[in-house]
Amino acid sequence: MHVLFVFNHPAPYKVKLFNEINKKIQISVIFERLKNKDRNPLFYESREISFNNIRIKGINIGLENHFSNGIVKHLKNNSYDIVIMNGWHTFSEMLALRYLKKHHKPYFFYINGGIIKRNEISLFKKIKTYFISGAELYFSPDQNSNKYLTYYGADESKIINYPYSTIYENEIIAKPLSSEEKMSLRKALNVVCTKLFVSCGQFIQRKNYLRLINYWKSQPSENVLVIIGGGKEKNKYLKHIEKLGLKNVNIFDFVPHSKLFMYFRAADSYIFPSKEDIYGHVINEALSQGLPVISNKNVNSALRLINNGKNGHIVNIENDDEVSNAIQSVIENSNMPYEAIKTAKENTIETMSEVHIKVFKDWMERR
C-alpha cells in the first residue's frame, strides 16, 4: 500500500504522525511550503523526516497560502492507493481537489478541526461545500468538527474520528509531581510563587490573552500567570500588564517543546482562554504532564478531552465567577492531575497512527 498526504507545511506534530504511520505503511507527503510565515522559526527546528518528502514548485502567498499546479502534475504522473487532502484553503489544494473531482479520482479529506461560520456570505458557503463534499472518507478529530464537515456537504456516514495528538506515549509522565518537586522545578525556571498557572499560544487577538490578563488583577499576588508564545500583540500585553500594575503575570516568547513541558509540570493548571479554536492540541499536551485544564467553551479539543470536574473545567472565559470557581476547584482537587494523565494516555501519536492504519487497510479490503 502506498499513501499520499498533501499538507500545507511540515508542522512538527504532523511530521511525527507521518513518521509513525510510515513504520507500517509506505507514505509520501507533499508539503506545499517549508513554513508558515507567522510561525516562529524555532517551531520547525526538530523535524526528523523518515518518509518520502516531495517538493513542488510554487508561490507562497501571505501567511500560509500557496499557488502551484505541482500537486496536480504529481497526481497525473504518479499512482497511489490512497490520496489524502488535508484541507482546501490554499490555491494549490483547490486546484488539486478540482482535478480529483473532475476526473472522478477517489480521495480522503482530512481536517485538524473545524468551526461552522453561520453568518458567512452564501457564496463562501457554496465554495466551501464544493471543496469539502465528495470525498470517499473524512478524517475528523471530534464531534464538533464532524458537524462542520456535514454542514459543508460531507456524508456523515463517511466520517472517521481519530484521537488527535502531538505527544508520544513516552512523553507522558508516570505520575504528577509532588509539591516539593514542583517547587524545585519552579526554582529552576526562575518562577517564584505559591500557585502557578500557564498558558501558551500565538500572541494574536483570537487567543484572547488580554481578557486573561485583565482577569488576573483579581488574583492574589502569590498566584502567578505565565503566558508563553510570542507574536504581534506582545507589546500590547506588556503595556496592559504595566497599566494594571500586575507583578504576578509574566510574558515569554516561544520556548522549545522540552522547556514548555517543564512549565507544564511545574504548574497547577493550564488556562486556555481562546475565543474559539478549531481544535487546540496544546490541551492534550498539558494533560500529558499531569496538568488540569481550564478552557473556554469554544475550543473543540476542550469539548472532546475535558471532563468537567475530573481533569479540568470548561467555562465561559468572560465570566469571572466561573473562572474563579474553576481555579479554586483545580487547586483543591488532588485527583485531577491523575485524571489528566489518564486522558492523555488515551490520546497519543501511537494510538492516532493505529487508527489511521486500520482505516487504510479496511478501505483497501473493501475496494
Protein backbone atom coordinates (compact mmCIF):
# COMPACT_ATOMS: atom_id res chain seq x y z
CA MET A 1 0.00 0.00 0.00
CA HIS A 2 1.24 3.48 -0.87
CA VAL A 3 -0.49 6.54 0.62
CA LEU A 4 -0.05 10.18 -0.41
CA PHE A 5 -0.71 13.01 2.03
CA VAL A 6 -0.99 16.62 0.84
CA PHE A 7 -0.32 19.10 3.63
CA ASN A 8 0.42 22.81 3.75
CA HIS A 9 3.66 22.86 5.79
CA PRO A 10 5.83 20.42 7.82
CA ALA A 11 4.43 21.17 11.27
CA PRO A 12 6.33 19.04 13.82
CA TYR A 13 3.16 17.32 15.06
CA LYS A 14 2.27 16.23 11.53
CA VAL A 15 5.81 15.08 10.82
CA LYS A 16 5.62 12.90 13.95
CA LEU A 17 2.38 11.31 12.77
CA PHE A 18 3.71 10.68 9.26
CA ASN A 19 6.89 9.14 10.67
CA GLU A 20 4.83 6.80 12.84
CA ILE A 21 2.49 5.70 10.04
CA ASN A 22 5.47 5.18 7.74
CA LYS A 23 6.77 2.47 10.10
CA LYS A 24 3.90 0.24 8.97
CA ILE A 25 2.74 1.66 5.63
CA GLN A 26 4.67 3.38 2.86
CA ILE A 27 3.66 7.02 2.68
CA SER A 28 4.70 10.03 0.65
CA VAL A 29 3.93 13.62 1.61
CA ILE A 30 3.69 16.78 -0.46
CA PHE A 31 4.38 19.86 1.65
CA GLU A 32 3.33 22.96 -0.25
CA ARG A 33 5.72 25.27 1.57
CA LEU A 34 8.61 24.96 4.01
CA LYS A 35 6.94 27.00 6.75
CA ASN A 36 4.06 29.29 7.58
CA LYS A 37 5.08 32.92 7.69
CA ASP A 38 3.59 33.62 11.14
CA ARG A 39 5.36 30.70 12.85
CA ASN A 40 8.47 31.21 14.95
CA PRO A 41 11.43 29.56 13.14
CA LEU A 42 12.11 27.52 16.31
CA PHE A 43 8.74 25.83 15.73
CA TYR A 44 10.33 23.89 12.85
CA GLU A 45 13.68 23.06 14.45
CA SER A 46 13.11 19.42 15.37
CA ARG A 47 11.96 17.88 12.09
CA GLU A 48 13.28 14.38 11.57
CA ILE A 49 11.63 13.11 8.39
CA SER A 50 11.69 9.37 7.67
CA PHE A 51 9.05 9.30 4.92
CA ASN A 52 9.25 10.28 1.26
CA ASN A 53 9.06 14.09 1.20
CA ILE A 54 8.02 15.50 -2.18
CA ARG A 55 8.82 19.09 -3.13
CA ILE A 56 6.75 21.08 -5.60
CA LYS A 57 7.47 24.48 -7.11
CA GLY A 58 5.08 27.28 -6.37
CA ILE A 59 4.50 30.77 -4.99
CA ASN A 60 3.97 31.42 -1.28
CA ILE A 61 1.20 33.93 -0.65
CA GLY A 62 0.60 35.63 2.70
CA LEU A 63 0.92 33.70 5.93
CA GLU A 64 0.10 30.21 4.64
CA ASN A 65 -1.42 30.30 1.17
CA HIS A 66 0.33 28.73 -1.82
CA PHE A 67 -0.20 28.75 -5.57
CA SER A 68 1.05 25.86 -7.70
CA ASN A 69 -0.17 23.30 -10.19
CA GLY A 70 2.53 20.97 -8.85
CA ILE A 71 0.14 18.74 -6.89
CA VAL A 72 -1.98 18.18 -10.00
CA LYS A 73 1.09 17.38 -12.10
CA HIS A 74 2.27 14.92 -9.48
CA LEU A 75 -1.13 13.20 -9.34
CA LYS A 76 -1.15 12.88 -13.13
CA ASN A 77 2.29 11.26 -13.21
CA ASN A 78 2.09 9.00 -10.14
CA SER A 79 -0.26 6.34 -8.86
CA TYR A 80 -1.27 5.88 -5.21
CA ASP A 81 -3.63 3.53 -3.43
CA ILE A 82 -4.93 6.37 -1.26
CA VAL A 83 -4.71 10.15 -1.71
CA ILE A 84 -5.41 12.33 1.34
CA MET A 85 -6.08 16.04 1.00
CA ASN A 86 -5.51 17.91 4.27
CA GLY A 87 -7.85 20.85 3.72
CA TRP A 88 -8.87 23.04 0.82
CA HIS A 89 -7.82 26.57 1.82
CA THR A 90 -4.81 27.15 -0.42
CA PHE A 91 -4.97 27.72 -4.16
CA SER A 92 -2.79 24.64 -4.65
CA GLU A 93 -5.26 22.50 -2.69
CA MET A 94 -8.20 23.93 -4.61
CA LEU A 95 -6.58 23.07 -7.93
CA ALA A 96 -5.81 19.55 -6.72
CA LEU A 97 -9.33 18.95 -5.41
CA ARG A 98 -10.84 20.28 -8.63
CA TYR A 99 -8.67 17.85 -10.61
CA LEU A 100 -9.63 14.88 -8.41
CA LYS A 101 -13.34 15.71 -8.65
CA LYS A 102 -13.30 16.37 -12.38
CA HIS A 103 -11.58 13.06 -13.15
CA HIS A 104 -13.59 11.07 -10.57
CA LYS A 105 -10.48 10.01 -8.67
CA PRO A 106 -11.20 8.80 -5.12
CA TYR A 107 -9.58 10.68 -2.24
CA PHE A 108 -9.89 11.15 1.51
CA PHE A 109 -10.46 14.58 3.06
CA TYR A 110 -8.65 15.38 6.30
CA ILE A 111 -9.20 18.14 8.84
CA ASN A 112 -7.48 19.11 12.10
CA GLY A 113 -10.75 20.63 13.29
CA GLY A 114 -13.45 23.00 12.11
CA ILE A 115 -15.93 25.63 13.25
CA ILE A 116 -19.13 26.49 11.36
CA LYS A 117 -19.47 30.11 10.24
CA ARG A 118 -23.22 30.62 10.48
CA ASN A 119 -23.32 34.20 9.20
CA GLU A 120 -20.91 33.87 6.29
CA ILE A 121 -21.68 35.11 2.78
CA SER A 122 -23.65 32.46 0.85
CA LEU A 123 -21.02 32.41 -1.93
CA PHE A 124 -18.34 31.45 0.61
CA LYS A 125 -20.52 28.62 1.88
CA LYS A 126 -21.03 27.35 -1.68
CA ILE A 127 -17.27 27.40 -2.29
CA LYS A 128 -16.58 25.50 0.94
CA THR A 129 -19.31 22.99 0.18
CA TYR A 130 -17.88 22.34 -3.28
CA PHE A 131 -14.39 21.62 -1.98
CA ILE A 132 -15.40 19.72 1.18
CA SER A 133 -18.09 17.48 -0.30
CA GLY A 134 -17.43 14.42 -2.42
CA ALA A 135 -14.65 12.59 -0.57
CA GLU A 136 -14.56 8.81 -0.10
CA LEU A 137 -13.84 9.21 3.61
CA TYR A 138 -13.32 12.06 6.07
CA PHE A 139 -10.88 12.22 8.99
CA SER A 140 -12.10 14.42 11.85
CA PRO A 141 -10.80 14.81 15.45
CA ASP A 142 -14.05 15.48 17.30
CA GLN A 143 -17.85 15.73 17.18
CA ASN A 144 -17.91 19.50 16.69
CA SER A 145 -15.66 19.13 13.67
CA ASN A 146 -17.99 16.42 12.38
CA LYS A 147 -20.79 18.99 12.40
CA TYR A 148 -18.55 21.36 10.46
CA LEU A 149 -17.99 18.72 7.78
CA THR A 150 -21.66 17.78 7.41
CA TYR A 151 -22.70 21.45 7.34
CA TYR A 152 -20.46 21.88 4.31
CA GLY A 153 -21.63 18.81 2.43
CA ALA A 154 -19.83 15.79 3.87
CA ASP A 155 -21.67 12.48 4.16
CA GLU A 156 -21.92 11.80 7.91
CA SER A 157 -21.63 8.04 7.39
CA LYS A 158 -18.18 8.53 5.85
CA ILE A 159 -16.65 10.43 8.79
CA ILE A 160 -13.91 8.71 10.82
CA ASN A 161 -12.91 10.19 14.19
CA TYR A 162 -9.28 9.92 15.18
CA PRO A 163 -7.55 10.77 18.50
CA TYR A 164 -5.74 13.98 17.57
CA SER A 165 -2.44 14.06 19.43
CA THR A 166 1.01 15.66 19.30
CA ILE A 167 2.63 13.55 22.02
CA TYR A 168 4.26 10.13 22.14
CA GLU A 169 3.45 7.64 24.88
CA ASN A 170 6.91 8.08 26.43
CA GLU A 171 6.36 11.84 26.79
CA ILE A 172 3.51 11.33 29.27
CA ILE A 173 4.68 11.49 32.87
CA ALA A 174 4.07 8.40 35.02
CA LYS A 175 2.53 10.36 37.87
CA PRO A 176 2.03 14.01 38.88
CA LEU A 177 4.90 15.84 40.52
CA SER A 178 4.78 16.33 44.28
CA SER A 179 4.59 19.83 45.75
CA GLU A 180 8.29 19.67 46.56
CA GLU A 181 9.17 18.61 43.00
CA LYS A 182 7.06 21.43 41.57
CA MET A 183 8.76 23.98 43.79
CA SER A 184 12.18 22.72 42.75
CA LEU A 185 11.23 22.97 39.09
CA ARG A 186 9.84 26.48 39.55
CA LYS A 187 13.13 27.50 41.12
CA ALA A 188 14.98 26.14 38.08
CA LEU A 189 12.62 28.13 35.82
CA ASN A 190 13.11 31.24 37.98
CA VAL A 191 9.39 31.49 38.81
CA VAL A 192 8.69 32.24 42.47
CA CYS A 193 5.10 31.67 43.55
CA THR A 194 2.70 29.66 45.67
CA LYS A 195 0.49 28.64 42.74
CA LEU A 196 1.44 28.67 39.06
CA PHE A 197 -0.88 28.90 36.06
CA VAL A 198 0.35 28.56 32.48
CA SER A 199 -0.99 29.33 29.03
CA CYS A 200 0.71 29.25 25.65
CA GLY A 201 -0.08 30.14 22.07
CA GLN A 202 0.44 32.80 19.45
CA PHE A 203 0.03 36.36 20.68
CA ILE A 204 -2.92 37.18 18.44
CA GLN A 205 -6.35 38.61 19.17
CA ARG A 206 -8.21 35.29 18.80
CA LYS A 207 -6.20 33.73 21.62
CA ASN A 208 -7.83 36.25 23.98
CA TYR A 209 -4.87 36.83 26.30
CA LEU A 210 -5.86 40.41 27.07
CA ARG A 211 -9.00 39.02 28.67
CA LEU A 212 -6.94 36.61 30.79
CA ILE A 213 -4.51 39.37 31.83
CA ASN A 214 -7.42 41.62 32.74
CA TYR A 215 -8.98 38.86 34.84
CA TRP A 216 -5.70 38.27 36.70
CA LYS A 217 -5.95 41.59 38.52
CA SER A 218 -8.45 39.83 40.81
CA GLN A 219 -5.98 37.07 41.69
CA PRO A 220 -3.81 37.17 44.82
CA SER A 221 -0.17 38.11 44.27
CA GLU A 222 1.06 34.58 45.14
CA ASN A 223 -0.87 33.17 42.13
CA VAL A 224 1.42 33.67 39.15
CA LEU A 225 0.34 33.51 35.49
CA VAL A 226 2.90 32.69 32.81
CA ILE A 227 1.91 33.24 29.15
CA ILE A 228 4.26 31.76 26.55
CA GLY A 229 4.19 32.26 22.81
CA GLY A 230 5.25 35.42 21.03
CA GLY A 231 3.63 37.45 18.30
CA LYS A 232 2.40 40.84 17.19
CA GLU A 233 0.34 41.57 20.34
CA LYS A 234 3.23 41.11 22.78
CA ASN A 235 3.81 44.84 23.38
CA LYS A 236 0.09 45.34 23.90
CA TYR A 237 0.14 42.70 26.64
CA LEU A 238 3.19 44.20 28.31
CA LYS A 239 1.65 47.69 28.30
CA HIS A 240 -1.60 46.35 29.74
CA ILE A 241 0.24 44.46 32.50
CA GLU A 242 2.11 47.66 33.37
CA LYS A 243 -1.10 49.70 33.29
CA LEU A 244 -2.78 47.30 35.72
CA GLY A 245 0.33 47.20 37.92
CA LEU A 246 0.45 43.40 37.85
CA LYS A 247 3.57 41.80 39.33
CA ASN A 248 2.29 38.24 39.02
CA VAL A 249 1.95 37.97 35.22
CA ASN A 250 4.96 37.01 33.11
CA ILE A 251 5.14 37.09 29.30
CA PHE A 252 7.67 34.89 27.49
CA ASP A 253 8.41 34.38 23.82
CA PHE A 254 8.35 30.97 22.15
CA VAL A 255 10.27 28.30 24.08
CA PRO A 256 11.36 24.85 22.85
CA HIS A 257 8.99 21.94 23.38
CA SER A 258 11.10 20.41 26.18
CA LYS A 259 11.16 23.63 28.22
CA LEU A 260 7.44 24.21 27.64
CA PHE A 261 6.77 20.81 29.20
CA MET A 262 8.88 21.86 32.21
CA TYR A 263 6.48 24.79 32.75
CA PHE A 264 3.54 22.40 32.43
CA ARG A 265 4.94 20.02 35.06
CA ALA A 266 5.71 22.92 37.40
CA ALA A 267 2.23 24.44 37.13
CA ASP A 268 -1.04 23.83 38.96
CA SER A 269 -3.30 24.37 35.94
CA TYR A 270 -3.27 25.25 32.26
CA ILE A 271 -5.66 28.01 31.14
CA PHE A 272 -6.89 28.18 27.54
CA PRO A 273 -8.78 31.48 27.02
CA SER A 274 -9.10 31.38 23.20
CA LYS A 275 -12.26 32.95 21.78
CA GLU A 276 -12.52 29.91 19.52
CA ASP A 277 -10.23 27.20 18.24
CA ILE A 278 -10.78 24.62 15.50
CA TYR A 279 -9.03 22.18 17.83
CA GLY A 280 -6.22 23.19 20.22
CA HIS A 281 -3.83 20.26 20.62
CA VAL A 282 -1.93 22.00 23.43
CA ILE A 283 -4.69 20.87 25.79
CA ASN A 284 -3.65 17.25 25.35
CA GLU A 285 -0.01 18.26 25.83
CA ALA A 286 -0.86 19.94 29.13
CA LEU A 287 -2.84 16.90 30.29
CA SER A 288 0.14 14.68 29.46
CA GLN A 289 2.19 16.48 32.12
CA GLY A 290 -0.44 15.99 34.80
CA LEU A 291 -1.87 19.47 34.36
CA PRO A 292 -5.64 20.02 34.78
CA VAL A 293 -7.01 22.35 32.10
CA ILE A 294 -9.40 25.29 32.38
CA SER A 295 -10.63 26.15 28.90
CA ASN A 296 -13.05 28.49 27.25
CA LYS A 297 -16.11 26.71 25.89
CA ASN A 298 -15.49 27.47 22.19
CA VAL A 299 -12.50 25.15 21.87
CA ASN A 300 -13.06 21.82 20.13
CA SER A 301 -10.34 19.88 21.94
CA ALA A 302 -11.71 21.02 25.29
CA LEU A 303 -15.16 19.71 24.42
CA ARG A 304 -13.61 16.38 23.46
CA LEU A 305 -10.98 15.92 26.17
CA ILE A 306 -12.13 17.73 29.29
CA ASN A 307 -14.48 16.01 31.71
CA ASN A 308 -15.80 18.79 33.92
CA GLY A 309 -14.66 18.42 37.49
CA LYS A 310 -12.45 15.40 36.75
CA ASN A 311 -9.48 16.55 34.66
CA GLY A 312 -10.37 20.23 34.35
CA HIS A 313 -13.21 22.62 33.62
CA ILE A 314 -14.89 24.15 30.58
CA VAL A 315 -16.01 27.71 31.35
CA ASN A 316 -17.26 30.91 29.84
CA ILE A 317 -13.95 32.75 30.00
CA GLU A 318 -15.80 36.10 30.10
CA ASN A 319 -17.48 35.12 33.38
CA ASP A 320 -15.20 35.94 36.32
CA ASP A 321 -17.12 33.75 38.75
CA GLU A 322 -16.88 30.67 36.51
CA VAL A 323 -13.14 31.16 36.05
CA SER A 324 -12.57 31.75 39.78
CA ASN A 325 -14.59 28.66 40.74
CA ALA A 326 -12.65 26.57 38.23
CA ILE A 327 -9.31 27.80 39.59
CA GLN A 328 -10.37 27.01 43.14
CA SER A 329 -11.53 23.56 42.05
CA VAL A 330 -8.25 22.56 40.37
CA ILE A 331 -6.29 23.78 43.40
CA GLU A 332 -8.40 21.75 45.83
CA ASN A 333 -8.91 18.54 43.80
CA SER A 334 -5.75 16.45 44.19
CA ASN A 335 -7.10 13.70 41.89
CA MET A 336 -7.36 15.93 38.80
CA PRO A 337 -3.68 15.55 37.78
CA TYR A 338 -4.08 11.75 37.75
CA GLU A 339 -7.21 12.02 35.59
CA ALA A 340 -5.33 14.38 33.26
CA ILE A 341 -2.61 11.77 32.72
CA LYS A 342 -5.24 9.06 32.18
CA THR A 343 -6.86 11.10 29.41
CA ALA A 344 -3.51 11.81 27.75
CA LYS A 345 -2.67 8.09 27.66
CA GLU A 346 -5.76 7.52 25.54
CA ASN A 347 -4.64 10.15 23.02
CA THR A 348 -1.12 9.62 21.73
CA ILE A 349 0.64 9.70 18.36
CA GLU A 350 0.84 5.90 18.52
CA THR A 351 -2.93 5.49 19.00
CA MET A 352 -3.60 8.09 16.32
CA SER A 353 -1.35 6.23 13.90
CA GLU A 354 -3.07 2.90 14.67
CA VAL A 355 -6.47 4.39 13.84
CA HIS A 356 -5.18 5.73 10.51
CA ILE A 357 -3.56 2.44 9.51
CA LYS A 358 -6.70 0.43 10.37
CA VAL A 359 -8.87 2.77 8.30
CA PHE A 360 -6.49 2.50 5.34
CA LYS A 361 -6.41 -1.30 5.49
CA ASP A 362 -10.18 -1.63 5.93
CA TRP A 363 -10.83 0.64 2.98
CA MET A 364 -8.38 -1.25 0.77
CA GLU A 365 -10.08 -4.54 1.65
CA ARG A 366 -13.49 -3.15 0.67
CA ARG A 367 -12.35 -1.90 -2.73
